[in-house]
Amino acid sequence: MSSTDDRSTRARIRDAAIEAVVEAGPGGLTARNVAARAGVSAGSVIHHFGSMDELRDACDHHIVSEVRRLKAAAMARGAQVDPIASLRDAADGPPLMAYLARTMVDGTPRVTDLVREMVADAVVHMKEGAASGLLNELDDPEGCATILTIWSLGALVLHDHVEALLGVDLLSPSVQADPTYIRRYMAPAFELLSGGMVTAEAAAGIAAAMAAADTTPADPAPTKDS
């Protein structure tokens, strides 16, 4: 960032709020804390956003918008996508992964809405990727988008274990530039997503078994008397 901060006051407050959540979780999102980071008064925080809940909403929407922008750009590049360049683009924006990691453990309806929005975006991105030649057509894009989103967010929540097992700090602001991240996290993920780990013969058998199970009537839900 240049030495001259030309962001609006509202943007500075929002970005300061994101930093507060990254450092201390949602509990760190207080008017006084955000004001000190943004260089404004606590009254200015409320003046620009109305309430801390509305400020939190603005942070959530900004993070999701950044994720949406980066993924849409990657999908539009099609088969010529450069994932390393995409990571560098992400490094220039807000701390996306750290914010999501802190937010996902909130356990409030707000988080449910946030995840639903990210899944809906993922469905769009998958369809865009298929149209651009980057991704294969999927039989169930909604289901696949849900699973991939949950897996990705789960890795952020379990970031301590990722670091212990792989030596990769997903919450580091410079993780995108870390060769260890590319070699030990991205490369295995790409292998699983591109080549898979199940042989064609086994996959055919598993698909047949799942198709058969899908046509089998489910057992009735147990009652209080059963």
C-alpha atoms as a PDB file:
ATOM      1  CA  MET A   1       0.000   0.000   0.000  1.00  0.00           C
ATOM      2  CA  SER A   2       1.268   3.505  -0.746  1.00  0.00           C
ATOM      3  CA  SER A   3       2.229   5.883   2.037  1.00  0.00           C
ATOM      4  CA  THR A   4      -0.890   7.927   1.217  1.00  0.00           C
ATOM      5  CA  ASP A   5      -4.018   6.135   2.374  1.00  0.00           C
ATOM      6  CA  ASP A   6      -6.729   7.196  -0.057  1.00  0.00           C
ATOM      7  CA  ARG A   7      -9.389   4.830   1.254  1.00  0.00           C
ATOM      8  CA  SER A   8     -12.640   6.362   2.454  1.00  0.00           C
ATOM      9  CA  THR A   9     -13.266   6.533   6.179  1.00  0.00           C
ATOM     10  CA  ARG A  10     -15.900   3.832   5.819  1.00  0.00           C
ATOM     11  CA  ALA A  11     -13.419   1.539   4.058  1.00  0.00           C
ATOM     12  CA  ARG A  12     -10.737   2.189   6.683  1.00  0.00           C
ATOM     13  CA  ILE A  13     -13.190   1.294   9.442  1.00  0.00           C
ATOM     14  CA  ARG A  14     -14.271  -1.867   7.619  1.00  0.00           C
ATOM     15  CA  ASP A  15     -10.677  -2.959   7.035  1.00  0.00           C
ATOM     16  CA  ALA A  16      -9.793  -2.226  10.655  1.00  0.00           C
ATOM     17  CA  ALA A  17     -12.752  -4.350  11.736  1.00  0.00           C
ATOM     18  CA  ILE A  18     -11.517  -7.230   9.564  1.00  0.00           C
ATOM     19  CA  GLU A  19      -8.098  -6.940  11.223  1.00  0.00           C
ATOM     20  CA  ALA A  20      -9.738  -6.982  14.652  1.00  0.00           C
ATOM     21  CA  VAL A  21     -11.602 -10.207  13.841  1.00  0.00           C
ATOM     22  CA  VAL A  22      -8.440 -11.789  12.422  1.00  0.00           C
ATOM     23  CA  GLU A  23      -6.500 -10.987  15.591  1.00  0.00           C
ATOM     24  CA  ALA A  24      -9.050 -11.751  18.288  1.00  0.00           C
ATOM     25  CA  GLY A  25     -12.060 -13.388  16.649  1.00  0.00           C
ATOM     26  CA  PRO A  26     -15.554 -11.870  16.581  1.00  0.00           C
ATOM     27  CA  GLY A  27     -15.160 -10.952  20.254  1.00  0.00           C
ATOM     28  CA  GLY A  28     -12.520  -8.415  19.277  1.00  0.00           C
ATOM     29  CA  LEU A  29     -15.004  -6.483  17.186  1.00  0.00           C
ATOM     30  CA  THR A  30     -15.717  -3.549  19.498  1.00  0.00           C
ATOM     31  CA  ALA A  31     -16.209   0.075  18.536  1.00  0.00           C
ATOM     32  CA  ARG A  32     -13.244   1.158  20.644  1.00  0.00           C
ATOM     33  CA  ASN A  33     -10.919  -1.493  19.211  1.00  0.00           C
ATOM     34  CA  VAL A  34     -11.917  -0.781  15.623  1.00  0.00           C
ATOM     35  CA  ALA A  35     -11.719   2.986  16.137  1.00  0.00           C
ATOM     36  CA  ALA A  36      -8.167   2.747  17.484  1.00  0.00           C
ATOM     37  CA  ARG A  37      -7.074   0.713  14.479  1.00  0.00           C
ATOM     38  CA  ALA A  38      -8.780   2.982  11.967  1.00  0.00           C
ATOM     39  CA  GLY A  39      -7.632   6.227  13.577  1.00  0.00           C
ATOM     40  CA  VAL A  40     -11.155   7.497  14.153  1.00  0.00           C
ATOM     41  CA  SER A  41     -13.468   7.947  17.114  1.00  0.00           C
ATOM     42  CA  ALA A  42     -15.767   5.215  18.386  1.00  0.00           C
ATOM     43  CA  GLY A  43     -18.665   7.504  17.514  1.00  0.00           C
ATOM     44  CA  SER A  44     -17.458   7.629  13.917  1.00  0.00           C
ATOM     45  CA  VAL A  45     -17.614   3.826  13.722  1.00  0.00           C
ATOM     46  CA  ILE A  46     -21.282   3.856  14.696  1.00  0.00           C
ATOM     47  CA  HIS A  47     -21.975   6.909  12.515  1.00  0.00           C
ATOM     48  CA  HIS A  48     -20.744   5.118   9.399  1.00  0.00           C
ATOM     49  CA  PHE A  49     -22.273   1.690  10.069  1.00  0.00           C
ATOM     50  CA  GLY A  50     -25.164   2.212  12.472  1.00  0.00           C
ATOM     51  CA  SER A  51     -24.210  -0.692  14.736  1.00  0.00           C
ATOM     52  CA  MET A  52     -21.489  -3.263  15.273  1.00  0.00           C
ATOM     53  CA  ASP A  53     -23.764  -5.903  13.743  1.00  0.00           C
ATOM     54  CA  GLU A  54     -23.985  -3.884  10.553  1.00  0.00           C
ATOM     55  CA  LEU A  55     -20.221  -3.446  10.576  1.00  0.00           C
ATOM     56  CA  ARG A  56     -19.799  -7.208  10.904  1.00  0.00           C
ATOM     57  CA  ASP A  57     -22.180  -7.672   7.961  1.00  0.00           C
ATOM     58  CA  ALA A  58     -20.078  -5.260   5.909  1.00  0.00           C
ATOM     59  CA  CYS A  59     -16.931  -7.244   6.750  1.00  0.00           C
ATOM     60  CA  ASP A  60     -18.567 -10.537   5.788  1.00  0.00           C
ATOM     61  CA  HIS A  61     -19.844  -9.158   2.500  1.00  0.00           C
ATOM     62  CA  HIS A  62     -16.467  -7.623   1.655  1.00  0.00           C
ATOM     63  CA  ILE A  63     -14.633 -10.896   2.282  1.00  0.00           C
ATOM     64  CA  VAL A  64     -17.138 -12.900   0.240  1.00  0.00           C
ATOM     65  CA  SER A  65     -16.945 -10.322  -2.549  1.00  0.00           C
ATOM     66  CA  GLU A  66     -13.152 -10.666  -2.648  1.00  0.00           C
ATOM     67  CA  VAL A  67     -13.392 -14.462  -2.781  1.00  0.00           C
ATOM     68  CA  ARG A  68     -15.999 -14.142  -5.544  1.00  0.00           C
ATOM     69  CA  ARG A  69     -13.798 -11.735  -7.532  1.00  0.00           C
ATOM     70  CA  LEU A  70     -10.710 -13.955  -7.340  1.00  0.00           C
ATOM     71  CA  LYS A  71     -12.553 -17.150  -8.228  1.00  0.00           C
ATOM     72  CA  ALA A  72     -14.461 -15.535 -11.089  1.00  0.00           C
ATOM     73  CA  ALA A  73     -11.178 -14.255 -12.527  1.00  0.00           C
ATOM     74  CA  ALA A  74      -9.623 -17.732 -12.279  1.00  0.00           C
ATOM     75  CA  MET A  75     -12.638 -19.416 -13.898  1.00  0.00           C
ATOM     76  CA  ALA A  76     -12.629 -16.891 -16.750  1.00  0.00           C
ATOM     77  CA  ARG A  77      -9.038 -17.802 -17.644  1.00  0.00           C
ATOM     78  CA  GLY A  78     -10.173 -21.317 -18.489  1.00  0.00           C
ATOM     79  CA  ALA A  79      -7.588 -23.997 -19.155  1.00  0.00           C
ATOM     80  CA  GLN A  80      -4.885 -21.300 -19.251  1.00  0.00           C
ATOM     81  CA  VAL A  81      -5.401 -20.413 -15.579  1.00  0.00           C
ATOM     82  CA  ASP A  82      -2.225 -19.778 -13.603  1.00  0.00           C
ATOM     83  CA  PRO A  83      -2.979 -20.806 -10.009  1.00  0.00           C
ATOM     84  CA  ILE A  84       0.221 -19.226  -8.711  1.00  0.00           C
ATOM     85  CA  ALA A  85      -0.716 -15.881 -10.237  1.00  0.00           C
ATOM     86  CA  SER A  86      -4.158 -16.236  -8.668  1.00  0.00           C
ATOM     87  CA  LEU A  87      -2.516 -16.744  -5.290  1.00  0.00           C
ATOM     88  CA  ARG A  88      -0.444 -13.603  -5.765  1.00  0.00           C
ATOM     89  CA  ASP A  89      -3.623 -11.681  -6.563  1.00  0.00           C
ATOM     90  CA  ALA A  90      -5.152 -12.930  -3.327  1.00  0.00           C
ATOM     91  CA  ALA A  91      -2.099 -11.780  -1.363  1.00  0.00           C
ATOM     92  CA  ASP A  92      -2.788  -8.171  -2.346  1.00  0.00           C
ATOM     93  CA  GLY A  93      -6.222  -8.106  -0.736  1.00  0.00           C
ATOM     94  CA  PRO A  94      -7.627  -8.536   2.779  1.00  0.00           C
ATOM     95  CA  PRO A  95      -6.627 -11.536   4.923  1.00  0.00           C
ATOM     96  CA  LEU A  96      -9.361 -13.777   3.498  1.00  0.00           C
ATOM     97  CA  MET A  97      -8.390 -17.106   5.030  1.00  0.00           C
ATOM     98  CA  ALA A  98      -7.594 -15.742   8.472  1.00  0.00           C
ATOM     99  CA  TYR A  99     -10.907 -13.879   8.616  1.00  0.00           C
ATOM    100  CA  LEU A 100     -12.895 -16.941   7.560  1.00  0.00           C
ATOM    101  CA  ALA A 101     -11.046 -19.164  10.042  1.00  0.00           C
ATOM    102  CA  ARG A 102     -11.920 -16.847  12.932  1.00  0.00           C
ATOM    103  CA  THR A 103     -15.499 -16.398  11.747  1.00  0.00           C
ATOM    104  CA  MET A 104     -16.439 -20.042  11.083  1.00  0.00           C
ATOM    105  CA  VAL A 105     -16.271 -20.950  14.792  1.00  0.00           C
ATOM    106  CA  ASP A 106     -18.820 -18.291  15.714  1.00  0.00           C
ATOM    107  CA  GLY A 107     -21.736 -20.748  15.684  1.00  0.00           C
ATOM    108  CA  THR A 108     -24.355 -18.079  14.948  1.00  0.00           C
ATOM    109  CA  PRO A 109     -27.001 -17.889  12.190  1.00  0.00           C
ATOM    110  CA  ARG A 110     -24.798 -15.214  10.623  1.00  0.00           C
ATOM    111  CA  VAL A 111     -22.180 -17.876   9.853  1.00  0.00           C
ATOM    112  CA  THR A 112     -24.817 -20.185   8.365  1.00  0.00           C
ATOM    113  CA  ASP A 113     -25.848 -17.394   6.002  1.00  0.00           C
ATOM    114  CA  LEU A 114     -22.206 -16.735   5.124  1.00  0.00           C
ATOM    115  CA  VAL A 115     -21.569 -20.382   4.257  1.00  0.00           C
ATOM    116  CA  ARG A 116     -24.758 -20.569   2.185  1.00  0.00           C
ATOM    117  CA  GLU A 117     -23.655 -17.510   0.221  1.00  0.00           C
ATOM    118  CA  MET A 118     -20.233 -19.031  -0.421  1.00  0.00           C
ATOM    119  CA  VAL A 119     -21.785 -22.310  -1.583  1.00  0.00           C
ATOM    120  CA  ALA A 120     -24.107 -20.438  -3.960  1.00  0.00           C
ATOM    121  CA  ASP A 121     -21.093 -18.590  -5.357  1.00  0.00           C
ATOM    122  CA  ALA A 122     -19.194 -21.872  -5.724  1.00  0.00           C
ATOM    123  CA  VAL A 123     -22.013 -23.311  -7.850  1.00  0.00           C
ATOM    124  CA  VAL A 124     -21.752 -20.318 -10.187  1.00  0.00           C
ATOM    125  CA  HIS A 125     -17.955 -20.609 -10.336  1.00  0.00           C
ATOM    126  CA  MET A 126     -18.134 -24.314 -11.186  1.00  0.00           C
ATOM    127  CA  LYS A 127     -20.523 -23.640 -14.051  1.00  0.00           C
ATOM    128  CA  GLU A 128     -18.306 -20.783 -15.277  1.00  0.00           C
ATOM    129  CA  GLY A 129     -15.272 -23.063 -15.074  1.00  0.00           C
ATOM    130  CA  ALA A 130     -17.035 -25.731 -17.130  1.00  0.00           C
ATOM    131  CA  ALA A 131     -18.004 -23.161 -19.742  1.00  0.00           C
ATOM    132  CA  SER A 132     -14.433 -21.807 -19.979  1.00  0.00           C
ATOM    133  CA  GLY A 133     -12.837 -25.246 -20.317  1.00  0.00           C
ATOM    134  CA  LEU A 134     -11.224 -25.291 -16.887  1.00  0.00           C
ATOM    135  CA  LEU A 135     -13.527 -27.776 -15.166  1.00  0.00           C
ATOM    136  CA  ASN A 136     -15.450 -30.863 -16.177  1.00  0.00           C
ATOM    137  CA  GLU A 137     -19.235 -30.797 -16.290  1.00  0.00           C
ATOM    138  CA  LEU A 138     -20.611 -32.147 -13.000  1.00  0.00           C
ATOM    139  CA  ASP A 139     -23.725 -34.228 -12.488  1.00  0.00           C
ATOM    140  CA  ASP A 140     -24.446 -32.458  -9.205  1.00  0.00           C
ATOM    141  CA  PRO A 141     -22.752 -29.036  -9.139  1.00  0.00           C
ATOM    142  CA  GLU A 142     -24.751 -27.944  -6.081  1.00  0.00           C
ATOM    143  CA  GLY A 143     -23.707 -30.988  -4.066  1.00  0.00           C
ATOM    144  CA  CYS A 144     -20.084 -30.753  -5.211  1.00  0.00           C
ATOM    145  CA  ALA A 145     -19.962 -27.041  -4.424  1.00  0.00           C
ATOM    146  CA  THR A 146     -21.298 -27.705  -0.941  1.00  0.00           C
ATOM    147  CA  ILE A 147     -18.767 -30.446  -0.215  1.00  0.00           C
ATOM    148  CA  LEU A 148     -15.791 -28.473  -1.547  1.00  0.00           C
ATOM    149  CA  THR A 149     -16.802 -25.347   0.370  1.00  0.00           C
ATOM    150  CA  ILE A 150     -17.186 -27.288   3.613  1.00  0.00           C
ATOM    151  CA  TRP A 151     -13.845 -29.040   3.083  1.00  0.00           C
ATOM    152  CA  SER A 152     -12.090 -25.752   2.359  1.00  0.00           C
ATOM    153  CA  LEU A 153     -13.588 -23.947   5.338  1.00  0.00           C
ATOM    154  CA  GLY A 154     -12.928 -26.966   7.542  1.00  0.00           C
ATOM    155  CA  ALA A 155      -9.227 -26.791   6.679  1.00  0.00           C
ATOM    156  CA  LEU A 156      -9.200 -23.178   7.840  1.00  0.00           C
ATOM    157  CA  VAL A 157     -10.883 -24.030  11.135  1.00  0.00           C
ATOM    158  CA  LEU A 158      -8.326 -26.830  11.628  1.00  0.00           C
ATOM    159  CA  HIS A 159      -5.431 -24.620  10.561  1.00  0.00           C
ATOM    160  CA  ASP A 160      -3.405 -25.527  13.660  1.00  0.00           C
ATOM    161  CA  HIS A 161      -3.444 -29.181  12.592  1.00  0.00           C
ATOM    162  CA  VAL A 162      -2.582 -28.272   9.000  1.00  0.00           C
ATOM    163  CA  GLU A 163       0.465 -26.440  10.300  1.00  0.00           C
ATOM    164  CA  ALA A 164       1.462 -29.287  12.614  1.00  0.00           C
ATOM    165  CA  LEU A 165       1.116 -31.966   9.928  1.00  0.00           C
ATOM    166  CA  LEU A 166       2.195 -30.120   6.792  1.00  0.00           C
ATOM    167  CA  GLY A 167       4.225 -27.206   8.070  1.00  0.00           C
ATOM    168  CA  VAL A 168       1.855 -24.768   6.345  1.00  0.00           C
ATOM    169  CA  ASP A 169       0.317 -21.815   8.182  1.00  0.00           C
ATOM    170  CA  LEU A 170      -2.880 -21.167   6.249  1.00  0.00           C
ATOM    171  CA  LEU A 171      -3.505 -17.973   8.192  1.00  0.00           C
ATOM    172  CA  SER A 172      -0.159 -16.374   7.400  1.00  0.00           C
ATOM    173  CA  PRO A 173      -0.548 -13.176   5.342  1.00  0.00           C
ATOM    174  CA  SER A 174       2.331 -14.363   3.141  1.00  0.00           C
ATOM    175  CA  VAL A 175       1.227 -17.992   2.769  1.00  0.00           C
ATOM    176  CA  GLN A 176       0.518 -17.533  -0.949  1.00  0.00           C
ATOM    177  CA  ALA A 177       4.191 -16.771  -1.579  1.00  0.00           C
ATOM    178  CA  ASP A 178       5.447 -19.687   0.508  1.00  0.00           C
ATOM    179  CA  PRO A 179       6.859 -22.546  -1.643  1.00  0.00           C
ATOM    180  CA  THR A 180       5.969 -24.952   1.161  1.00  0.00           C
ATOM    181  CA  TYR A 181       2.297 -24.023   0.765  1.00  0.00           C
ATOM    182  CA  ILE A 182       2.428 -24.757  -2.939  1.00  0.00           C
ATOM    183  CA  ARG A 183       4.390 -27.998  -2.560  1.00  0.00           C
ATOM    184  CA  ARG A 184       2.760 -29.507   0.534  1.00  0.00           C
ATOM    185  CA  TYR A 185      -0.802 -28.164   0.386  1.00  0.00           C
ATOM    186  CA  MET A 186      -1.713 -27.132  -3.147  1.00  0.00           C
ATOM    187  CA  ALA A 187       0.074 -29.968  -4.937  1.00  0.00           C
ATOM    188  CA  PRO A 188      -1.683 -32.792  -3.006  1.00  0.00           C
ATOM    189  CA  ALA A 189      -5.016 -30.981  -3.335  1.00  0.00           C
ATOM    190  CA  PHE A 190      -4.495 -30.646  -7.076  1.00  0.00           C
ATOM    191  CA  GLU A 191      -3.568 -34.325  -7.367  1.00  0.00           C
ATOM    192  CA  LEU A 192      -6.786 -35.336  -5.622  1.00  0.00           C
ATOM    193  CA  LEU A 193      -8.970 -32.995  -7.652  1.00  0.00           C
ATOM    194  CA  SER A 194      -7.371 -33.582 -11.045  1.00  0.00           C
ATOM    195  CA  GLY A 195      -6.281 -37.221 -11.091  1.00  0.00           C
ATOM    196  CA  GLY A 196      -8.249 -38.622  -8.200  1.00  0.00           C
ATOM    197  CA  MET A 197      -7.202 -41.483  -5.959  1.00  0.00           C
ATOM    198  CA  VAL A 198      -9.699 -44.188  -6.957  1.00  0.00           C
ATOM    199  CA  THR A 199      -9.042 -46.457  -9.948  1.00  0.00           C
ATOM    200  CA  ALA A 200     -11.521 -46.475 -12.831  1.00  0.00           C
ATOM    201  CA  GLU A 201     -12.591 -50.032 -11.983  1.00  0.00           C
ATOM    202  CA  ALA A 202     -13.184 -49.213  -8.327  1.00  0.00           C
ATOM    203  CA  ALA A 203     -14.960 -45.982  -9.258  1.00  0.00           C
ATOM    204  CA  ALA A 204     -17.391 -47.880 -11.479  1.00  0.00           C
ATOM    205  CA  GLY A 205     -18.199 -50.285  -8.666  1.00  0.00           C
ATOM    206  CA  ILE A 206     -18.636 -47.512  -6.126  1.00  0.00           C
ATOM    207  CA  ALA A 207     -20.874 -45.558  -8.494  1.00  0.00           C
ATOM    208  CA  ALA A 208     -23.029 -48.636  -9.060  1.00  0.00           C
ATOM    209  CA  ALA A 209     -23.297 -49.270  -5.323  1.00  0.00           C
ATOM    210  CA  MET A 210     -24.288 -45.662  -4.641  1.00  0.00           C
ATOM    211  CA  ALA A 211     -26.863 -45.749  -7.427  1.00  0.00           C
ATOM    212  CA  ALA A 212     -28.386 -48.890  -5.950  1.00  0.00           C
ATOM    213  CA  ALA A 213     -28.418 -47.420  -2.461  1.00  0.00           C
ATOM    214  CA  ASP A 214     -30.107 -44.296  -3.771  1.00  0.00           C
ATOM    215  CA  THR A 215     -33.096 -46.351  -4.942  1.00  0.00           C
ATOM    216  CA  THR A 216     -33.434 -48.261  -1.663  1.00  0.00           C
ATOM    217  CA  PRO A 217     -36.194 -46.890   0.591  1.00  0.00           C
ATOM    218  CA  ALA A 218     -34.782 -45.301   3.685  1.00  0.00           C
ATOM    219  CA  ASP A 219     -35.610 -46.765   7.075  1.00  0.00           C
ATOM    220  CA  PRO A 220     -38.362 -44.867   8.849  1.00  0.00           C
ATOM    221  CA  ALA A 221     -37.192 -42.391  11.436  1.00  0.00           C
ATOM    222  CA  PRO A 222     -37.291 -43.850  14.956  1.00  0.00           C
ATOM    223  CA  THR A 223     -40.146 -42.764  17.169  1.00  0.00           C
ATOM    224  CA  LYS A 224     -40.059 -42.043  20.872  1.00  0.00           C
ATOM    225  CA  ASP A 225     -41.592 -45.463  21.567  1.00  0.00           C
ATOM    226  CA  SER A 226     -39.079 -47.425  19.465  1.00  0.00           C
END
